[in-house]
Amino acid sequence: MQSRQDVLNQAVERKRCASCERWQGERMPGSEPGTVAITAETDTGLCIGGGWDGSERRARSACGHWRLWPPLAPAVSSC
């Protein structure tokens, strides 16, 4: 992943694929609490076990099977 200056911070509260534990794309916890860092909203990753199981999904996509990506839990609970 690029340096933190070159990434987008997406709010976890939006419940998008980038912050879901089922999404296998490249990401890291964001620089702000309650965010996830991605290089672009068009980044893709494989959905494992969700509503789009086995499908390539974009970071900004969403579905009704969203679950918080565990590395984000401490930041979200402290917001």
Protein backbone atom coordinates (compact mmCIF):
# COMPACT_ATOMS: atom_id res chain seq x y z
CA MET A 1 0.00 0.00 0.00
CA GLN A 2 1.11 3.56 -0.62
CA SER A 3 2.17 5.94 2.15
CA ARG A 4 -0.56 7.38 4.37
CA GLN A 5 -0.38 10.70 2.48
CA ASP A 6 -1.45 8.97 -0.75
CA VAL A 7 -4.54 7.18 0.56
CA LEU A 8 -8.22 7.94 1.04
CA ASN A 9 -9.78 7.62 4.47
CA GLN A 10 -13.28 6.17 4.19
CA ALA A 11 -15.62 6.43 7.20
CA VAL A 12 -16.47 3.07 8.77
CA GLU A 13 -20.02 4.32 9.46
CA ARG A 14 -20.68 4.15 5.69
CA LYS A 15 -20.47 0.32 6.00
CA ARG A 16 -18.72 -0.15 2.66
CA CYS A 17 -16.70 -3.16 1.56
CA ALA A 18 -13.37 -1.55 2.49
CA SER A 19 -14.32 -1.66 6.19
CA CYS A 20 -15.91 -5.15 6.08
CA GLU A 21 -14.12 -8.21 7.42
CA ARG A 22 -15.31 -10.22 4.40
CA TRP A 23 -13.54 -8.00 1.85
CA GLN A 24 -10.02 -9.13 0.91
CA GLY A 25 -8.72 -5.96 -0.80
CA GLU A 26 -5.66 -3.97 0.24
CA ARG A 27 -6.34 -1.55 3.11
CA MET A 28 -5.18 -0.46 6.53
CA PRO A 29 -6.73 1.36 9.47
CA GLY A 30 -7.12 5.04 8.60
CA SER A 31 -5.20 7.94 10.07
CA GLU A 32 -8.42 9.21 11.69
CA PRO A 33 -10.33 7.12 14.24
CA GLY A 34 -13.30 5.33 12.67
CA THR A 35 -11.81 5.26 9.16
CA VAL A 36 -10.22 2.74 6.83
CA ALA A 37 -7.44 3.73 4.39
CA ILE A 38 -7.61 2.66 0.75
CA THR A 39 -5.69 3.88 -2.30
CA ALA A 40 -8.84 4.56 -4.37
CA GLU A 41 -12.59 3.98 -4.16
CA THR A 42 -12.17 1.81 -7.25
CA ASP A 43 -9.81 -0.63 -5.45
CA THR A 44 -11.13 -4.18 -5.65
CA GLY A 45 -11.03 -7.23 -3.44
CA LEU A 46 -12.66 -10.62 -3.23
CA CYS A 47 -15.73 -11.01 -1.00
CA ILE A 48 -15.44 -14.10 1.20
CA GLY A 49 -18.63 -15.31 2.88
CA GLY A 50 -20.79 -12.24 2.35
CA GLY A 51 -23.67 -11.46 0.06
CA TRP A 52 -21.28 -11.34 -2.90
CA ASP A 53 -19.29 -14.44 -1.87
CA GLY A 54 -16.61 -15.24 -4.42
CA SER A 55 -17.11 -11.99 -6.36
CA GLU A 56 -14.66 -9.16 -6.92
CA ARG A 57 -16.07 -6.03 -5.24
CA ARG A 58 -15.01 -2.39 -5.19
CA ALA A 59 -13.96 -0.73 -1.95
CA ARG A 60 -16.98 1.60 -2.04
CA SER A 61 -19.53 -1.18 -2.65
CA ALA A 62 -21.95 -2.24 0.06
CA CYS A 63 -24.36 -5.06 0.92
CA GLY A 64 -26.54 -6.23 3.79
CA HIS A 65 -23.93 -8.69 5.10
CA TRP A 66 -21.37 -6.08 6.27
CA ARG A 67 -19.29 -6.92 9.36
CA LEU A 68 -16.69 -4.62 10.88
CA TRP A 69 -13.11 -5.49 9.92
CA PRO A 70 -11.54 -6.46 13.31
CA PRO A 71 -8.48 -4.13 13.10
CA LEU A 72 -10.92 -1.19 13.08
CA ALA A 73 -12.84 -2.23 16.22
CA PRO A 74 -10.70 -0.38 18.82
CA ALA A 75 -10.89 2.91 16.88
CA VAL A 76 -14.63 2.62 16.30
CA SER A 77 -15.46 1.83 19.92
CA SER A 78 -13.47 4.85 21.11
CA CYS A 79 -15.27 7.34 18.78
